[in-house]
Amino acid sequence: MNRRGFVALIGGALAAPRAAWSQQSSKVYRIGLLLLNSRPATAHLVAALEQGLRDHGYDLGRNVVIEFRFADGKPERLPELAAELVRGSVDVPWSVPIT
């Protein structure tokens, strides 16, 4: 998946709830992001997501936080990491499709 496609996917997922979120500006929303590869291998996707959030008026650390989980190329780790995100009660669970 290319950078623009990734940003469009995330932006679309966040666009609908944004109106409701803005009414409660004191809440910090948590996005759970599950990635198959390592942090260095997905740095371009992470940077694109963060920039897309900033472009849409989100302030990282102030009104939105991203909870990352990296499987480091080991698909067998994905269920464990997904369960960890669910237990952490993220507001928006997200995984990047494997292509």
PDB file of N, CA and C in Angstrom:
ATOM      1  N   MET A   1       0.852  -1.163   0.000  1.00  0.00           N
ATOM      2  CA  MET A   1       0.000   0.000   0.000  1.00  0.00           C
ATOM      3  C   MET A   1       0.906   1.236   0.000  1.00  0.00           C
ATOM      4  N   ASN A   2       0.592   2.197  -0.863  1.00  0.00           N
ATOM      5  CA  ASN A   2       1.424   3.381  -0.920  1.00  0.00           C
ATOM      6  C   ASN A   2       1.010   4.406   0.145  1.00  0.00           C
ATOM      7  N   ARG A   3       1.828   5.407   0.294  1.00  0.00           N
ATOM      8  CA  ARG A   3       1.629   6.403   1.355  1.00  0.00           C
ATOM      9  C   ARG A   3       0.295   7.128   1.216  1.00  0.00           C
ATOM     10  N   ARG A   4      -0.049   7.541   0.012  1.00  0.00           N
ATOM     11  CA  ARG A   4      -1.313   8.275  -0.183  1.00  0.00           C
ATOM     12  C   ARG A   4      -2.514   7.393   0.119  1.00  0.00           C
ATOM     13  N   GLY A   5      -2.433   6.146  -0.295  1.00  0.00           N
ATOM     14  CA  GLY A   5      -3.525   5.217  -0.012  1.00  0.00           C
ATOM     15  C   GLY A   5      -3.697   5.004   1.480  1.00  0.00           C
ATOM     16  N   PHE A   6      -2.578   4.908   2.174  1.00  0.00           N
ATOM     17  CA  PHE A   6      -2.613   4.716   3.625  1.00  0.00           C
ATOM     18  C   PHE A   6      -3.242   5.916   4.315  1.00  0.00           C
ATOM     19  N   VAL A   7      -2.811   7.115   3.938  1.00  0.00           N
ATOM     20  CA  VAL A   7      -3.359   8.330   4.546  1.00  0.00           C
ATOM     21  C   VAL A   7      -4.844   8.455   4.231  1.00  0.00           C
ATOM     22  N   ALA A   8      -5.240   8.133   3.007  1.00  0.00           N
ATOM     23  CA  ALA A   8      -6.655   8.213   2.637  1.00  0.00           C
ATOM     24  C   ALA A   8      -7.493   7.239   3.446  1.00  0.00           C
ATOM     25  N   LEU A   9      -6.967   6.038   3.650  1.00  0.00           N
ATOM     26  CA  LEU A   9      -7.679   5.034   4.427  1.00  0.00           C
ATOM     27  C   LEU A   9      -7.879   5.502   5.859  1.00  0.00           C
ATOM     28  N   ILE A  10      -6.822   5.966   6.484  1.00  0.00           N
ATOM     29  CA  ILE A  10      -6.896   6.433   7.866  1.00  0.00           C
ATOM     30  C   ILE A  10      -7.779   7.673   7.950  1.00  0.00           C
ATOM     31  N   GLY A  11      -7.593   8.602   7.020  1.00  0.00           N
ATOM     32  CA  GLY A  11      -8.395   9.823   7.029  1.00  0.00           C
ATOM     33  C   GLY A  11      -9.870   9.525   6.915  1.00  0.00           C
ATOM     34  N   GLY A  12     -10.226   8.576   6.060  1.00  0.00           N
ATOM     35  CA  GLY A  12     -11.626   8.191   5.913  1.00  0.00           C
ATOM     36  C   GLY A  12     -12.187   7.587   7.186  1.00  0.00           C
ATOM     37  N   ALA A  13     -11.369   6.805   7.856  1.00  0.00           N
ATOM     38  CA  ALA A  13     -11.823   6.168   9.105  1.00  0.00           C
ATOM     39  C   ALA A  13     -12.036   7.196  10.204  1.00  0.00           C
ATOM     40  N   LEU A  14     -11.268   8.266  10.160  1.00  0.00           N
ATOM     41  CA  LEU A  14     -11.355   9.266  11.217  1.00  0.00           C
ATOM     42  C   LEU A  14     -12.300  10.420  10.893  1.00  0.00           C
ATOM     43  N   ALA A  15     -12.664  10.580   9.627  1.00  0.00           N
ATOM     44  CA  ALA A  15     -13.476  11.732   9.236  1.00  0.00           C
ATOM     45  C   ALA A  15     -14.866  11.709   9.851  1.00  0.00           C
ATOM     46  N   ALA A  16     -15.521  10.582   9.829  1.00  0.00           N
ATOM     47  CA  ALA A  16     -16.896  10.508  10.335  1.00  0.00           C
ATOM     48  C   ALA A  16     -17.015  10.849  11.813  1.00  0.00           C
ATOM     49  N   PRO A  17     -16.199  10.266  12.677  1.00  0.00           N
ATOM     50  CA  PRO A  17     -16.368  10.568  14.100  1.00  0.00           C
ATOM     51  C   PRO A  17     -15.814  11.928  14.521  1.00  0.00           C
ATOM     52  N   ARG A  18     -15.133  12.617  13.634  1.00  0.00           N
ATOM     53  CA  ARG A  18     -14.487  13.866  14.009  1.00  0.00           C
ATOM     54  C   ARG A  18     -15.469  14.904  14.558  1.00  0.00           C
ATOM     55  N   ALA A  19     -16.647  15.028  13.973  1.00  0.00           N
ATOM     56  CA  ALA A  19     -17.614  16.011  14.448  1.00  0.00           C
ATOM     57  C   ALA A  19     -18.008  15.724  15.891  1.00  0.00           C
ATOM     58  N   ALA A  20     -18.238  14.484  16.195  1.00  0.00           N
ATOM     59  CA  ALA A  20     -18.595  14.117  17.571  1.00  0.00           C
ATOM     60  C   ALA A  20     -17.411  14.347  18.498  1.00  0.00           C
ATOM     61  N   TRP A  21     -16.214  14.042  18.041  1.00  0.00           N
ATOM     62  CA  TRP A  21     -15.018  14.217  18.868  1.00  0.00           C
ATOM     63  C   TRP A  21     -14.797  15.685  19.213  1.00  0.00           C
ATOM     64  N   SER A  22     -15.034  16.563  18.241  1.00  0.00           N
ATOM     65  CA  SER A  22     -14.741  17.973  18.479  1.00  0.00           C
ATOM     66  C   SER A  22     -15.644  18.574  19.549  1.00  0.00           C
ATOM     67  N   GLN A  23     -16.803  17.949  19.799  1.00  0.00           N
ATOM     68  CA  GLN A  23     -17.699  18.461  20.826  1.00  0.00           C
ATOM     69  C   GLN A  23     -17.168  18.168  22.227  1.00  0.00           C
ATOM     70  N   GLN A  24     -16.266  17.211  22.351  1.00  0.00           N
ATOM     71  CA  GLN A  24     -15.689  16.857  23.637  1.00  0.00           C
ATOM     72  C   GLN A  24     -14.179  17.060  23.564  1.00  0.00           C
ATOM     73  N   SER A  25     -13.743  18.275  23.388  1.00  0.00           N
ATOM     74  CA  SER A  25     -12.341  18.564  23.113  1.00  0.00           C
ATOM     75  C   SER A  25     -11.394  18.201  24.251  1.00  0.00           C
ATOM     76  N   SER A  26     -11.896  17.969  25.458  1.00  0.00           N
ATOM     77  CA  SER A  26     -11.011  17.640  26.559  1.00  0.00           C
ATOM     78  C   SER A  26     -10.576  16.178  26.544  1.00  0.00           C
ATOM     79  N   LYS A  27     -11.261  15.335  25.791  1.00  0.00           N
ATOM     80  CA  LYS A  27     -10.913  13.923  25.734  1.00  0.00           C
ATOM     81  C   LYS A  27      -9.722  13.698  24.805  1.00  0.00           C
ATOM     82  N   VAL A  28      -8.840  12.822  25.211  1.00  0.00           N
ATOM     83  CA  VAL A  28      -7.729  12.409  24.361  1.00  0.00           C
ATOM     84  C   VAL A  28      -8.122  11.073  23.739  1.00  0.00           C
ATOM     85  N   TYR A  29      -8.218  11.030  22.429  1.00  0.00           N
ATOM     86  CA  TYR A  29      -8.617   9.823  21.726  1.00  0.00           C
ATOM     87  C   TYR A  29      -7.396   8.981  21.415  1.00  0.00           C
ATOM     88  N   ARG A  30      -7.568   7.675  21.505  1.00  0.00           N
ATOM     89  CA  ARG A  30      -6.467   6.745  21.305  1.00  0.00           C
ATOM     90  C   ARG A  30      -6.727   5.886  20.080  1.00  0.00           C
ATOM     91  N   ILE A  31      -5.791   5.928  19.142  1.00  0.00           N
ATOM     92  CA  ILE A  31      -5.839   5.095  17.949  1.00  0.00           C
ATOM     93  C   ILE A  31      -4.904   3.923  18.193  1.00  0.00           C
ATOM     94  N   GLY A  32      -5.405   2.713  18.035  1.00  0.00           N
ATOM     95  CA  GLY A  32      -4.567   1.523  18.129  1.00  0.00           C
ATOM     96  C   GLY A  32      -4.136   1.117  16.736  1.00  0.00           C
ATOM     97  N   LEU A  33      -2.838   1.087  16.485  1.00  0.00           N
ATOM     98  CA  LEU A  33      -2.328   0.775  15.154  1.00  0.00           C
ATOM     99  C   LEU A  33      -1.462  -0.475  15.218  1.00  0.00           C
ATOM    100  N   LEU A  34      -1.889  -1.501  14.512  1.00  0.00           N
ATOM    101  CA  LEU A  34      -1.206  -2.788  14.480  1.00  0.00           C
ATOM    102  C   LEU A  34      -0.522  -2.945  13.124  1.00  0.00           C
ATOM    103  N   LEU A  35       0.788  -3.149  13.156  1.00  0.00           N
ATOM    104  CA  LEU A  35       1.560  -3.275  11.925  1.00  0.00           C
ATOM    105  C   LEU A  35       2.353  -4.574  11.934  1.00  0.00           C
ATOM    106  N   LEU A  36       2.389  -5.248  10.802  1.00  0.00           N
ATOM    107  CA  LEU A  36       3.107  -6.513  10.698  1.00  0.00           C
ATOM    108  C   LEU A  36       4.615  -6.320  10.799  1.00  0.00           C
ATOM    109  N   ASN A  37       5.120  -5.300  10.178  1.00  0.00           N
ATOM    110  CA  ASN A  37       6.569  -5.110  10.137  1.00  0.00           C
ATOM    111  C   ASN A  37       7.078  -4.302  11.320  1.00  0.00           C
ATOM    112  N   SER A  38       8.369  -4.047  11.332  1.00  0.00           N
ATOM    113  CA  SER A  38       9.017  -3.325  12.427  1.00  0.00           C
ATOM    114  C   SER A  38       8.784  -1.823  12.305  1.00  0.00           C
ATOM    115  N   ARG A  39       9.104  -1.109  13.365  1.00  0.00           N
ATOM    116  CA  ARG A  39       8.989   0.353  13.339  1.00  0.00           C
ATOM    117  C   ARG A  39       9.834   0.958  12.218  1.00  0.00           C
ATOM    118  N   PRO A  40      11.111   0.562  12.075  1.00  0.00           N
ATOM    119  CA  PRO A  40      11.904   1.159  10.983  1.00  0.00           C
ATOM    120  C   PRO A  40      11.329   0.870   9.594  1.00  0.00           C
ATOM    121  N   ALA A  41      10.788  -0.328   9.402  1.00  0.00           N
ATOM    122  CA  ALA A  41      10.250  -0.700   8.088  1.00  0.00           C
ATOM    123  C   ALA A  41       8.964   0.038   7.756  1.00  0.00           C
ATOM    124  N   THR A  42       8.265   0.527   8.765  1.00  0.00           N
ATOM    125  CA  THR A  42       6.990   1.213   8.542  1.00  0.00           C
ATOM    126  C   THR A  42       7.059   2.701   8.879  1.00  0.00           C
ATOM    127  N   ALA A  43       8.256   3.210   9.055  1.00  0.00           N
ATOM    128  CA  ALA A  43       8.422   4.615   9.458  1.00  0.00           C
ATOM    129  C   ALA A  43       7.721   5.568   8.492  1.00  0.00           C
ATOM    130  N   HIS A  44       7.755   5.273   7.201  1.00  0.00           N
ATOM    131  CA  HIS A  44       7.102   6.154   6.220  1.00  0.00           C
ATOM    132  C   HIS A  44       5.586   6.155   6.403  1.00  0.00           C
ATOM    133  N   LEU A  45       5.004   5.009   6.760  1.00  0.00           N
ATOM    134  CA  LEU A  45       3.554   4.944   7.000  1.00  0.00           C
ATOM    135  C   LEU A  45       3.178   5.694   8.268  1.00  0.00           C
ATOM    136  N   VAL A  46       3.986   5.525   9.302  1.00  0.00           N
ATOM    137  CA  VAL A  46       3.739   6.218  10.574  1.00  0.00           C
ATOM    138  C   VAL A  46       3.827   7.729  10.362  1.00  0.00           C
ATOM    139  N   ALA A  47       4.849   8.163   9.640  1.00  0.00           N
ATOM    140  CA  ALA A  47       5.009   9.599   9.367  1.00  0.00           C
ATOM    141  C   ALA A  47       3.828  10.140   8.567  1.00  0.00           C
ATOM    142  N   ALA A  48       3.342   9.361   7.587  1.00  0.00           N
ATOM    143  CA  ALA A  48       2.200   9.793   6.780  1.00  0.00           C
ATOM    144  C   ALA A  48       0.939   9.900   7.633  1.00  0.00           C
ATOM    145  N   LEU A  49       0.719   8.937   8.510  1.00  0.00           N
ATOM    146  CA  LEU A  49      -0.443   8.977   9.393  1.00  0.00           C
ATOM    147  C   LEU A  49      -0.382  10.198  10.302  1.00  0.00           C
ATOM    148  N   GLU A  50       0.764  10.414  10.917  1.00  0.00           N
ATOM    149  CA  GLU A  50       0.899  11.556  11.822  1.00  0.00           C
ATOM    150  C   GLU A  50       0.692  12.880  11.092  1.00  0.00           C
ATOM    151  N   GLN A  51       1.237  13.001   9.885  1.00  0.00           N
ATOM    152  CA  GLN A  51       1.050  14.230   9.115  1.00  0.00           C
ATOM    153  C   GLN A  51      -0.405  14.391   8.708  1.00  0.00           C
ATOM    154  N   GLY A  52      -1.050  13.306   8.315  1.00  0.00           N
ATOM    155  CA  GLY A  52      -2.470  13.365   7.954  1.00  0.00           C
ATOM    156  C   GLY A  52      -3.331  13.810   9.116  1.00  0.00           C
ATOM    157  N   LEU A  53      -3.022  13.314  10.303  1.00  0.00           N
ATOM    158  CA  LEU A  53      -3.770  13.743  11.490  1.00  0.00           C
ATOM    159  C   LEU A  53      -3.564  15.236  11.750  1.00  0.00           C
ATOM    160  N   ARG A  54      -2.311  15.689  11.647  1.00  0.00           N
ATOM    161  CA  ARG A  54      -2.037  17.123  11.842  1.00  0.00           C
ATOM    162  C   ARG A  54      -2.767  17.961  10.791  1.00  0.00           C
ATOM    163  N   ASP A  55      -2.768  17.488   9.546  1.00  0.00           N
ATOM    164  CA  ASP A  55      -3.454  18.211   8.464  1.00  0.00           C
ATOM    165  C   ASP A  55      -4.951  18.343   8.713  1.00  0.00           C
ATOM    166  N   HIS A  56      -5.515  17.430   9.482  1.00  0.00           N
ATOM    167  CA  HIS A  56      -6.947  17.465   9.789  1.00  0.00           C
ATOM    168  C   HIS A  56      -7.228  18.090  11.153  1.00  0.00           C
ATOM    169  N   GLY A  57      -6.245  18.764  11.717  1.00  0.00           N
ATOM    170  CA  GLY A  57      -6.478  19.527  12.934  1.00  0.00           C
ATOM    171  C   GLY A  57      -6.228  18.796  14.239  1.00  0.00           C
ATOM    172  N   TYR A  58      -5.727  17.567  14.161  1.00  0.00           N
ATOM    173  CA  TYR A  58      -5.432  16.832  15.397  1.00  0.00           C
ATOM    174  C   TYR A  58      -4.053  17.227  15.906  1.00  0.00           C
ATOM    175  N   ASP A  59      -3.913  17.260  17.203  1.00  0.00           N
ATOM    176  CA  ASP A  59      -2.645  17.616  17.837  1.00  0.00           C
ATOM    177  C   ASP A  59      -2.147  16.386  18.579  1.00  0.00           C
ATOM    178  N   LEU A  60      -1.137  15.727  18.011  1.00  0.00           N
ATOM    179  CA  LEU A  60      -0.614  14.497  18.595  1.00  0.00           C
ATOM    180  C   LEU A  60      -0.147  14.739  20.023  1.00  0.00           C
ATOM    181  N   GLY A  61      -0.635  13.904  20.908  1.00  0.00           N
ATOM    182  CA  GLY A  61      -0.291  14.033  22.317  1.00  0.00           C
ATOM    183  C   GLY A  61      -1.254  14.899  23.096  1.00  0.00           C
ATOM    184  N   ARG A  62      -1.982  15.774  22.414  1.00  0.00           N
ATOM    185  CA  ARG A  62      -2.939  16.636  23.101  1.00  0.00           C
ATOM    186  C   ARG A  62      -4.365  16.100  22.995  1.00  0.00           C
ATOM    187  N   ASN A  63      -4.834  15.863  21.765  1.00  0.00           N
ATOM    188  CA  ASN A  63      -6.192  15.344  21.629  1.00  0.00           C
ATOM    189  C   ASN A  63      -6.255  13.994  20.913  1.00  0.00           C
ATOM    190  N   VAL A  64      -5.107  13.467  20.539  1.00  0.00           N
ATOM    191  CA  VAL A  64      -5.050  12.128  19.942  1.00  0.00           C
ATOM    192  C   VAL A  64      -3.682  11.504  20.240  1.00  0.00           C
ATOM    193  N   VAL A  65      -3.723  10.212  20.557  1.00  0.00           N
ATOM    194  CA  VAL A  65      -2.510   9.452  20.837  1.00  0.00           C
ATOM    195  C   VAL A  65      -2.576   8.177  20.007  1.00  0.00           C
ATOM    196  N   ILE A  66      -1.459   7.776  19.443  1.00  0.00           N
ATOM    197  CA  ILE A  66      -1.405   6.545  18.668  1.00  0.00           C
ATOM    198  C   ILE A  66      -0.691   5.486  19.495  1.00  0.00           C
ATOM    199  N   GLU A  67      -1.385   4.374  19.721  1.00  0.00           N
ATOM    200  CA  GLU A  67      -0.803   3.228  20.425  1.00  0.00           C
ATOM    201  C   GLU A  67      -0.311   2.249  19.354  1.00  0.00           C
ATOM    202  N   PHE A  68       0.992   2.168  19.163  1.00  0.00           N
ATOM    203  CA  PHE A  68       1.565   1.313  18.135  1.00  0.00           C
ATOM    204  C   PHE A  68       1.854  -0.082  18.679  1.00  0.00           C
ATOM    205  N   ARG A  69       1.663  -1.081  17.828  1.00  0.00           N
ATOM    206  CA  ARG A  69       2.100  -2.443  18.105  1.00  0.00           C
ATOM    207  C   ARG A  69       2.722  -2.963  16.805  1.00  0.00           C
ATOM    208  N   PHE A  70       3.954  -3.426  16.899  1.00  0.00           N
ATOM    209  CA  PHE A  70       4.691  -3.916  15.739  1.00  0.00           C
ATOM    210  C   PHE A  70       4.964  -5.404  15.908  1.00  0.00           C
ATOM    211  N   ALA A  71       4.621  -6.198  14.892  1.00  0.00           N
ATOM    212  CA  ALA A  71       4.843  -7.643  14.947  1.00  0.00           C
ATOM    213  C   ALA A  71       6.237  -8.030  14.458  1.00  0.00           C
ATOM    214  N   ASP A  72       6.998  -7.076  13.989  1.00  0.00           N
ATOM    215  CA  ASP A  72       8.378  -7.309  13.531  1.00  0.00           C
ATOM    216  C   ASP A  72       8.485  -8.432  12.507  1.00  0.00           C
ATOM    217  N   GLY A  73       7.510  -8.476  11.587  1.00  0.00           N
ATOM    218  CA  GLY A  73       7.537  -9.453  10.515  1.00  0.00           C
ATOM    219  C   GLY A  73       7.091 -10.849  10.915  1.00  0.00           C
ATOM    220  N   LYS A  74       6.519 -10.990  12.104  1.00  0.00           N
ATOM    221  CA  LYS A  74       6.099 -12.304  12.603  1.00  0.00           C
ATOM    222  C   LYS A  74       4.574 -12.340  12.711  1.00  0.00           C
ATOM    223  N   PRO A  75       3.890 -12.859  11.674  1.00  0.00           N
ATOM    224  CA  PRO A  75       2.428 -12.865  11.668  1.00  0.00           C
ATOM    225  C   PRO A  75       1.814 -13.588  12.867  1.00  0.00           C
ATOM    226  N   GLU A  76       2.525 -14.552  13.417  1.00  0.00           N
ATOM    227  CA  GLU A  76       1.983 -15.281  14.569  1.00  0.00           C
ATOM    228  C   GLU A  76       1.816 -14.383  15.799  1.00  0.00           C
ATOM    229  N   ARG A  77       2.458 -13.230  15.810  1.00  0.00           N
ATOM    230  CA  ARG A  77       2.345 -12.287  16.927  1.00  0.00           C
ATOM    231  C   ARG A  77       1.103 -11.394  16.818  1.00  0.00           C
ATOM    232  N   LEU A  78       0.500 -11.323  15.643  1.00  0.00           N
ATOM    233  CA  LEU A  78      -0.612 -10.402  15.420  1.00  0.00           C
ATOM    234  C   LEU A  78      -1.789 -10.617  16.384  1.00  0.00           C
ATOM    235  N   PRO A  79      -2.265 -11.855  16.614  1.00  0.00           N
ATOM    236  CA  PRO A  79      -3.394 -12.014  17.544  1.00  0.00           C
ATOM    237  C   PRO A  79      -3.080 -11.511  18.953  1.00  0.00           C
ATOM    238  N   GLU A  80      -1.900 -11.795  19.439  1.00  0.00           N
ATOM    239  CA  GLU A  80      -1.499 -11.331  20.777  1.00  0.00           C
ATOM    240  C   GLU A  80      -1.462  -9.801  20.847  1.00  0.00           C
ATOM    241  N   LEU A  81      -0.889  -9.190  19.828  1.00  0.00           N
ATOM    242  CA  LEU A  81      -0.785  -7.730  19.818  1.00  0.00           C
ATOM    243  C   LEU A  81      -2.164  -7.076  19.650  1.00  0.00           C
ATOM    244  N   ALA A  82      -3.030  -7.685  18.836  1.00  0.00           N
ATOM    245  CA  ALA A  82      -4.385  -7.157  18.667  1.00  0.00           C
ATOM    246  C   ALA A  82      -5.147  -7.224  19.988  1.00  0.00           C
ATOM    247  N   ALA A  83      -5.010  -8.338  20.695  1.00  0.00           N
ATOM    248  CA  ALA A  83      -5.674  -8.479  21.994  1.00  0.00           C
ATOM    249  C   ALA A  83      -5.165  -7.439  22.981  1.00  0.00           C
ATOM    250  N   GLU A  84      -3.890  -7.148  22.916  1.00  0.00           N
ATOM    251  CA  GLU A  84      -3.300  -6.135  23.790  1.00  0.00           C
ATOM    252  C   GLU A  84      -3.913  -4.763  23.525  1.00  0.00           C
ATOM    253  N   LEU A  85      -4.113  -4.432  22.267  1.00  0.00           N
ATOM    254  CA  LEU A  85      -4.741  -3.150  21.921  1.00  0.00           C
ATOM    255  C   LEU A  85      -6.188  -3.101  22.401  1.00  0.00           C
ATOM    256  N   VAL A  86      -6.908  -4.197  22.229  1.00  0.00           N
ATOM    257  CA  VAL A  86      -8.305  -4.242  22.672  1.00  0.00           C
ATOM    258  C   VAL A  86      -8.383  -4.079  24.194  1.00  0.00           C
ATOM    259  N   ARG A  87      -7.509  -4.758  24.909  1.00  0.00           N
ATOM    260  CA  ARG A  87      -7.494  -4.627  26.375  1.00  0.00           C
ATOM    261  C   ARG A  87      -7.180  -3.197  26.792  1.00  0.00           C
ATOM    262  N   GLY A  88      -6.426  -2.493  25.983  1.00  0.00           N
ATOM    263  CA  GLY A  88      -6.062  -1.118  26.287  1.00  0.00           C
ATOM    264  C   GLY A  88      -7.164  -0.123  25.986  1.00  0.00           C
ATOM    265  N   SER A  89      -8.300  -0.603  25.492  1.00  0.00           N
ATOM    266  CA  SER A  89      -9.476   0.228  25.223  1.00  0.00           C
ATOM    267  C   SER A  89      -9.178   1.404  24.297  1.00  0.00           C
ATOM    268  N   VAL A  90      -8.611   1.120  23.142  1.00  0.00           N
ATOM    269  CA  VAL A  90      -8.402   2.189  22.167  1.00  0.00           C
ATOM    270  C   VAL A  90      -9.744   2.599  21.585  1.00  0.00           C
ATOM    271  N   ASP A  91      -9.837   3.840  21.139  1.00  0.00           N
ATOM    272  CA  ASP A  91     -11.073   4.350  20.552  1.00  0.00           C
ATOM    273  C   ASP A  91     -11.219   3.937  19.094  1.00  0.00           C
ATOM    274  N   VAL A  92     -10.100   3.860  18.382  1.00  0.00           N
ATOM    275  CA  VAL A  92     -10.101   3.499  16.966  1.00  0.00           C
ATOM    276  C   VAL A  92      -9.064   2.409  16.754  1.00  0.00           C
ATOM    277  N   PRO A  93      -9.499   1.140  16.657  1.00  0.00           N
ATOM    278  CA  PRO A  93      -8.529   0.079  16.354  1.00  0.00           C
ATOM    279  C   PRO A  93      -8.233   0.073  14.858  1.00  0.00           C
ATOM    280  N   TRP A  94      -6.992  -0.134  14.490  1.00  0.00           N
ATOM    281  CA  TRP A  94      -6.642  -0.112  13.091  1.00  0.00           C
ATOM    282  C   TRP A  94      -5.474  -1.041  12.824  1.00  0.00           C
ATOM    283  N   SER A  95      -5.536  -1.744  11.714  1.00  0.00           N
ATOM    284  CA  SER A  95      -4.379  -2.521  11.261  1.00  0.00           C
ATOM    285  C   SER A  95      -4.179  -2.216   9.803  1.00  0.00           C
ATOM    286  N   VAL A  96      -2.932  -2.255   9.388  1.00  0.00           N
ATOM    287  CA  VAL A  96      -2.609  -1.994   8.003  1.00  0.00           C
ATOM    288  C   VAL A  96      -2.702  -3.321   7.254  1.00  0.00           C
ATOM    289  N   PRO A  97      -3.505  -3.377   6.181  1.00  0.00           N
ATOM    290  CA  PRO A  97      -3.643  -4.632   5.442  1.00  0.00           C
ATOM    291  C   PRO A  97      -2.291  -5.114   4.920  1.00  0.00           C
ATOM    292  N   ILE A  98      -2.134  -6.411   4.929  1.00  0.00           N
ATOM    293  CA  ILE A  98      -0.904  -7.009   4.407  1.00  0.00           C
ATOM    294  C   ILE A  98      -1.048  -7.113   2.902  1.00  0.00           C
ATOM    295  N   THR A  99      -0.103  -6.496   2.181  1.00  0.00           N
ATOM    296  CA  THR A  99      -0.168  -6.543   0.723  1.00  0.00           C
ATOM    297  C   THR A  99       1.094  -7.110   0.159  1.00  0.00           C
TER     298      THR A  99
END
